[in-house]
Amino acid sequence: MMKLYLTYLAIFAVMLSALALFPKTGGYIWQAEIINPLSALLFTLLVYLTGRIAHSAQSVTGILCTALFILLFCPDSRHFFNRDETAVVELSSTCIVPFFISQYTRISNKNFKYGYFLMLLMGIFCSYTHDSITIPLCAAFLTLSYLQRDRLFRLACWPMVIGFAIGTTLTLLQSAYWNSAAWGDLTALSTQTADGFAQLWETKVFIFATLLTIYFLSSRKRRRRLWRISREHKLLTYCLLYSFCAIPFAPLGLDNAISGVCFFCMFWALFLFQHLLAILRERRPKPQPPVHRA
């Protein structure tokens, strides 16, 4: 346990050193002595929250892989190093999403008798302020709610689902997409789909996630492992599928739809990469005990 705490402390120290040593790119409303430690702390919190969802926080290697995946694959991760208020805003906004997902996962099978109104507000706020993930995450919530419809209102997660649906509805109502005729034009939809996937092929995370998925699909044993991964992370698997479905329509903008796909691809790639490391560890020859000769 101490090694894990020291790993998070090391991530905080490295991030703080990078922010302090690199030349700043903009002015401060707050002083650098406040901005830099706060950004480093929020990044460490993001690593912790993402690791809890991906179950990669149980080892030093898993924590370091999580931090590396966030830096390489998280949408707009370059803003984390801005050394001004935009870094704090971007990190805070990004932290809200894994925090909300982890809270939903934590209480989805529990029955609380308090805090319902707070969870309702949390769902509205998270969906209303995150255009890139609101549609696929809302669709995933509604799908899981339908699958457990017989006992949904006996669980503690139903206010979060309703709040998220309300926030998503408010976001969609403000979109100018429905005033255009593009949503009913099959040619425009197919053109936007082709454009969206062409942009996805230019992103590192989509290519990496696709290669990992192909690797796991290439044998029966790995396909069974892939099925277990999708069952274990059912919510995020649905989110990834629905994020692809949102590309042809993209009512909140194609850039937001692409960003949502990349965000959920980051989690999917992290899930698969962890299991790939487990496969490699299983294949590593075990050391033979020494033979004592008489």
Protein backbone atom coordinates (compact mmCIF):
# COMPACT_ATOMS: atom_id res chain seq x y z
CA MET A 1 0.00 0.00 0.00
CA MET A 2 2.86 2.39 0.81
CA LYS A 3 4.31 1.83 -2.68
CA LEU A 4 1.02 2.95 -4.22
CA TYR A 5 0.93 6.13 -2.13
CA LEU A 6 4.53 6.87 -3.07
CA THR A 7 3.70 6.33 -6.75
CA TYR A 8 0.93 8.93 -6.61
CA LEU A 9 3.30 11.27 -4.76
CA ALA A 10 5.90 10.75 -7.49
CA ILE A 11 3.33 11.55 -10.21
CA PHE A 12 2.41 14.74 -8.37
CA ALA A 13 6.08 15.71 -8.01
CA VAL A 14 6.90 15.03 -11.68
CA MET A 15 3.86 16.97 -12.88
CA LEU A 16 4.66 19.88 -10.57
CA SER A 17 8.29 19.93 -11.73
CA ALA A 18 7.23 19.92 -15.37
CA LEU A 19 4.85 22.81 -14.81
CA ALA A 20 7.44 24.77 -12.84
CA LEU A 21 10.37 24.21 -15.21
CA PHE A 22 8.67 24.61 -18.58
CA PRO A 23 8.22 28.18 -19.81
CA LYS A 24 4.73 29.47 -19.20
CA THR A 25 2.43 30.02 -22.18
CA GLY A 26 0.08 32.66 -20.82
CA GLY A 27 -0.65 35.11 -18.05
CA TYR A 28 -2.01 34.26 -14.65
CA ILE A 29 -5.06 35.49 -12.87
CA TRP A 30 -3.79 33.50 -9.95
CA GLN A 31 -0.13 33.25 -9.09
CA ALA A 32 1.98 30.40 -10.42
CA GLU A 33 2.53 29.18 -6.87
CA ILE A 34 -1.21 28.37 -6.75
CA ILE A 35 -1.84 27.28 -10.35
CA ASN A 36 1.00 24.76 -10.67
CA PRO A 37 0.38 22.74 -7.47
CA LEU A 38 -3.36 22.78 -8.14
CA SER A 39 -2.88 21.47 -11.69
CA ALA A 40 -0.49 18.78 -10.47
CA LEU A 41 -2.95 17.77 -7.74
CA LEU A 42 -5.86 17.59 -10.19
CA PHE A 43 -3.81 15.49 -12.60
CA THR A 44 -2.92 13.08 -9.79
CA LEU A 45 -6.60 12.93 -8.85
CA LEU A 46 -7.47 12.17 -12.49
CA VAL A 47 -4.98 9.28 -12.50
CA TYR A 48 -6.49 7.95 -9.26
CA LEU A 49 -10.10 8.18 -10.49
CA THR A 50 -9.28 6.62 -13.86
CA GLY A 51 -7.35 3.84 -12.15
CA ARG A 52 -10.31 3.06 -9.91
CA ILE A 53 -12.57 2.62 -12.94
CA ALA A 54 -10.02 0.60 -14.92
CA HIS A 55 -8.95 -1.44 -11.86
CA SER A 56 -5.38 -0.43 -12.59
CA ALA A 57 -4.73 1.22 -9.22
CA GLN A 58 -3.71 -2.00 -7.47
CA SER A 59 -0.10 -1.94 -8.67
CA VAL A 60 2.67 0.55 -9.36
CA THR A 61 2.82 -0.56 -13.00
CA GLY A 62 -0.93 -0.06 -13.40
CA ILE A 63 -0.80 3.45 -11.93
CA LEU A 64 2.08 4.48 -14.16
CA CYS A 65 0.34 3.01 -17.23
CA THR A 66 -2.81 4.95 -16.34
CA ALA A 67 -0.87 8.21 -16.08
CA LEU A 68 0.87 7.52 -19.40
CA PHE A 69 -2.42 6.70 -21.14
CA ILE A 70 -3.99 9.93 -19.90
CA LEU A 71 -1.05 12.01 -21.13
CA LEU A 72 -0.95 10.28 -24.52
CA PHE A 73 -4.60 9.63 -25.28
CA CYS A 74 -6.91 11.84 -23.24
CA PRO A 75 -8.58 14.45 -25.49
CA ASP A 76 -7.08 17.93 -25.05
CA SER A 77 -4.42 16.62 -22.65
CA ARG A 78 -2.04 19.25 -24.06
CA HIS A 79 -4.05 21.83 -22.09
CA PHE A 80 -2.92 20.18 -18.85
CA PHE A 81 0.45 21.91 -19.33
CA ASN A 82 -0.82 25.39 -20.10
CA ARG A 83 0.38 26.73 -16.71
CA ASP A 84 -2.61 29.05 -16.48
CA GLU A 85 -6.29 28.90 -15.57
CA THR A 86 -7.22 26.84 -18.64
CA ALA A 87 -5.25 23.89 -17.25
CA VAL A 88 -7.19 24.00 -13.98
CA VAL A 89 -10.51 24.27 -15.80
CA GLU A 90 -9.66 21.44 -18.23
CA LEU A 91 -8.42 19.13 -15.48
CA SER A 92 -11.38 19.89 -13.24
CA SER A 93 -13.81 19.23 -16.08
CA THR A 94 -12.06 15.98 -17.00
CA CYS A 95 -11.99 14.77 -13.38
CA ILE A 96 -15.75 15.16 -13.06
CA VAL A 97 -16.45 12.44 -15.65
CA PRO A 98 -14.53 9.51 -14.07
CA PHE A 99 -15.72 10.66 -10.64
CA PHE A 100 -19.35 10.52 -11.79
CA ILE A 101 -18.86 7.13 -13.48
CA SER A 102 -17.10 5.69 -10.42
CA GLN A 103 -19.87 6.94 -8.13
CA TYR A 104 -22.50 5.38 -10.39
CA THR A 105 -20.59 2.09 -10.42
CA ARG A 106 -20.10 2.19 -6.65
CA ILE A 107 -23.76 2.70 -5.78
CA SER A 108 -25.45 1.03 -8.75
CA ASN A 109 -26.26 -2.07 -6.68
CA LYS A 110 -26.90 -0.35 -3.36
CA ASN A 111 -30.01 1.09 -1.83
CA PHE A 112 -29.54 4.45 -0.13
CA LYS A 113 -32.29 6.37 1.58
CA TYR A 114 -30.63 9.78 1.44
CA GLY A 115 -28.74 12.04 -0.91
CA TYR A 116 -31.11 11.50 -3.85
CA PHE A 117 -31.47 15.20 -4.61
CA LEU A 118 -27.69 15.69 -4.56
CA MET A 119 -27.21 12.80 -6.98
CA LEU A 120 -29.90 14.25 -9.24
CA LEU A 121 -28.06 17.58 -9.37
CA MET A 122 -24.77 15.78 -9.96
CA GLY A 123 -26.22 14.03 -13.01
CA ILE A 124 -27.63 17.26 -14.45
CA PHE A 125 -24.37 19.15 -13.93
CA CYS A 126 -22.13 16.43 -15.40
CA SER A 127 -24.20 15.95 -18.55
CA TYR A 128 -24.92 19.64 -19.13
CA THR A 129 -21.24 20.65 -18.95
CA HIS A 130 -19.69 17.84 -21.04
CA ASP A 131 -20.92 17.96 -24.63
CA SER A 132 -18.47 15.33 -25.89
CA ILE A 133 -19.64 12.49 -23.63
CA THR A 134 -23.19 13.39 -22.70
CA ILE A 135 -25.03 11.54 -25.50
CA PRO A 136 -23.20 8.16 -25.37
CA LEU A 137 -23.10 8.15 -21.56
CA CYS A 138 -26.79 9.00 -21.33
CA ALA A 139 -27.64 6.26 -23.83
CA ALA A 140 -25.54 3.77 -21.84
CA PHE A 141 -27.26 4.77 -18.59
CA LEU A 142 -30.69 4.33 -20.17
CA THR A 143 -29.72 0.95 -21.63
CA LEU A 144 -28.50 -0.38 -18.29
CA SER A 145 -31.58 1.06 -16.60
CA TYR A 146 -33.80 -0.81 -19.06
CA LEU A 147 -31.90 -4.05 -18.48
CA GLN A 148 -32.50 -3.77 -14.73
CA ARG A 149 -35.90 -2.07 -15.00
CA ASP A 150 -37.54 -4.47 -12.55
CA ARG A 151 -35.44 -3.18 -9.66
CA LEU A 152 -34.14 0.19 -10.91
CA PHE A 153 -36.12 2.36 -8.50
CA ARG A 154 -34.99 0.22 -5.58
CA LEU A 155 -31.36 1.12 -6.35
CA ALA A 156 -29.51 4.27 -5.39
CA CYS A 157 -28.38 5.11 -8.94
CA TRP A 158 -31.77 6.08 -10.39
CA PRO A 159 -31.53 9.80 -9.44
CA MET A 160 -28.16 10.01 -11.21
CA VAL A 161 -29.65 8.44 -14.35
CA ILE A 162 -32.66 10.78 -14.34
CA GLY A 163 -30.45 13.80 -13.67
CA PHE A 164 -28.12 12.86 -16.50
CA ALA A 165 -31.08 12.39 -18.86
CA ILE A 166 -32.42 15.83 -17.89
CA GLY A 167 -29.03 17.48 -18.48
CA THR A 168 -28.64 15.73 -21.83
CA THR A 169 -32.12 16.83 -22.90
CA LEU A 170 -31.37 20.44 -21.98
CA THR A 171 -28.12 20.28 -23.95
CA LEU A 172 -29.84 18.85 -27.03
CA LEU A 173 -32.63 21.42 -26.89
CA GLN A 174 -30.04 24.20 -27.09
CA SER A 175 -28.42 22.68 -30.15
CA ALA A 176 -29.07 24.25 -33.54
CA TYR A 177 -28.82 20.82 -35.17
CA TRP A 178 -32.57 20.19 -35.12
CA ASN A 179 -33.28 23.41 -37.00
CA SER A 180 -31.25 22.23 -39.98
CA ALA A 181 -32.33 19.71 -42.56
CA ALA A 182 -29.08 17.75 -42.35
CA TRP A 183 -30.40 15.16 -39.87
CA GLY A 184 -32.85 13.84 -42.48
CA ASP A 185 -30.44 13.91 -45.43
CA LEU A 186 -28.90 10.47 -45.98
CA THR A 187 -26.17 11.90 -48.21
CA ALA A 188 -25.15 14.42 -45.57
CA LEU A 189 -25.20 11.71 -42.87
CA SER A 190 -23.01 9.36 -44.90
CA THR A 191 -20.61 12.19 -45.73
CA GLN A 192 -20.33 13.17 -42.08
CA THR A 193 -19.81 9.54 -41.07
CA ALA A 194 -16.97 9.14 -43.57
CA ASP A 195 -15.45 12.44 -42.43
CA GLY A 196 -15.73 11.43 -38.78
CA PHE A 197 -14.01 8.08 -39.24
CA ALA A 198 -11.34 9.69 -41.39
CA GLN A 199 -10.59 12.02 -38.48
CA LEU A 200 -10.59 9.10 -36.04
CA TRP A 201 -7.92 7.31 -38.08
CA GLU A 202 -5.68 10.30 -37.48
CA THR A 203 -5.87 9.87 -33.68
CA LYS A 204 -3.37 7.73 -31.79
CA VAL A 205 -5.87 6.32 -29.31
CA PHE A 206 -8.30 5.02 -31.95
CA ILE A 207 -5.53 3.25 -33.87
CA PHE A 208 -4.07 1.77 -30.68
CA ALA A 209 -7.47 0.61 -29.39
CA THR A 210 -8.29 -0.91 -32.79
CA LEU A 211 -5.02 -2.85 -32.92
CA LEU A 212 -5.51 -4.17 -29.40
CA THR A 213 -9.08 -5.21 -30.21
CA ILE A 214 -7.94 -7.05 -33.35
CA TYR A 215 -5.29 -8.85 -31.30
CA PHE A 216 -7.86 -10.04 -28.76
CA LEU A 217 -10.24 -11.12 -31.52
CA SER A 218 -7.58 -13.21 -33.25
CA SER A 219 -7.94 -16.31 -31.04
CA ARG A 220 -10.77 -18.06 -29.23
CA LYS A 221 -9.12 -17.82 -25.81
CA ARG A 222 -8.52 -14.10 -26.16
CA ARG A 223 -12.06 -13.58 -27.48
CA ARG A 224 -13.39 -15.12 -24.29
CA ARG A 225 -11.19 -12.74 -22.31
CA LEU A 226 -12.46 -9.84 -24.42
CA TRP A 227 -16.03 -10.86 -23.64
CA ARG A 228 -15.22 -10.92 -19.91
CA ILE A 229 -13.72 -7.43 -20.20
CA SER A 230 -16.85 -6.08 -21.85
CA ARG A 231 -19.03 -7.72 -19.20
CA GLU A 232 -16.88 -6.40 -16.36
CA HIS A 233 -16.93 -2.85 -17.77
CA LYS A 234 -20.44 -2.94 -19.18
CA LEU A 235 -21.16 0.78 -18.76
CA LEU A 236 -18.05 1.99 -20.59
CA THR A 237 -18.45 -0.67 -23.28
CA TYR A 238 -21.92 0.67 -24.05
CA CYS A 239 -20.52 4.22 -23.96
CA LEU A 240 -17.91 3.33 -26.58
CA LEU A 241 -20.48 1.71 -28.87
CA TYR A 242 -22.92 4.60 -28.56
CA SER A 243 -20.15 7.15 -29.15
CA PHE A 244 -19.59 5.57 -32.58
CA CYS A 245 -23.33 5.67 -33.24
CA ALA A 246 -23.38 9.41 -32.51
CA ILE A 247 -20.91 10.25 -35.29
CA PRO A 248 -23.37 10.22 -38.23
CA PHE A 249 -25.74 12.64 -36.47
CA ALA A 250 -23.41 14.53 -34.07
CA PRO A 251 -26.13 16.92 -32.83
CA LEU A 252 -23.58 18.68 -30.60
CA GLY A 253 -20.95 18.97 -33.32
CA LEU A 254 -18.62 16.53 -35.04
CA ASP A 255 -15.62 17.66 -33.00
CA ASN A 256 -17.45 16.83 -29.78
CA ALA A 257 -18.49 13.44 -31.17
CA ILE A 258 -14.87 12.63 -32.13
CA SER A 259 -13.67 13.77 -28.71
CA GLY A 260 -16.21 11.47 -27.04
CA VAL A 261 -15.05 8.47 -29.07
CA CYS A 262 -11.42 9.20 -28.17
CA PHE A 263 -12.28 9.58 -24.49
CA PHE A 264 -13.99 6.19 -24.27
CA CYS A 265 -11.35 4.61 -26.53
CA MET A 266 -8.78 5.65 -23.93
CA PHE A 267 -10.57 3.57 -21.29
CA TRP A 268 -11.08 0.65 -23.67
CA ALA A 269 -7.40 0.65 -24.67
CA LEU A 270 -6.40 0.79 -21.00
CA PHE A 271 -8.61 -2.21 -20.20
CA LEU A 272 -7.12 -4.25 -23.05
CA PHE A 273 -3.55 -3.18 -22.38
CA GLN A 274 -3.79 -4.32 -18.78
CA HIS A 275 -5.01 -7.75 -19.86
CA LEU A 276 -2.27 -7.86 -22.50
CA LEU A 277 0.30 -7.34 -19.76
CA ALA A 278 -1.38 -10.13 -17.78
CA ILE A 279 -1.11 -12.45 -20.80
CA LEU A 280 2.58 -11.64 -21.18
CA ARG A 281 3.16 -12.33 -17.48
CA GLU A 282 1.40 -15.68 -17.82
CA ARG A 283 3.66 -16.63 -20.73
CA ARG A 284 6.82 -15.69 -18.89
CA PRO A 285 8.65 -18.87 -17.90
CA LYS A 286 8.62 -19.46 -14.17
CA PRO A 287 12.01 -19.82 -12.50
CA GLN A 288 12.84 -23.43 -11.73
CA PRO A 289 13.85 -24.28 -8.16
CA PRO A 290 17.51 -25.21 -7.81
CA VAL A 291 18.30 -28.91 -7.92
CA HIS A 292 20.27 -30.11 -4.96
CA ARG A 293 22.58 -32.98 -5.84
CA ALA A 294 23.57 -35.48 -3.22
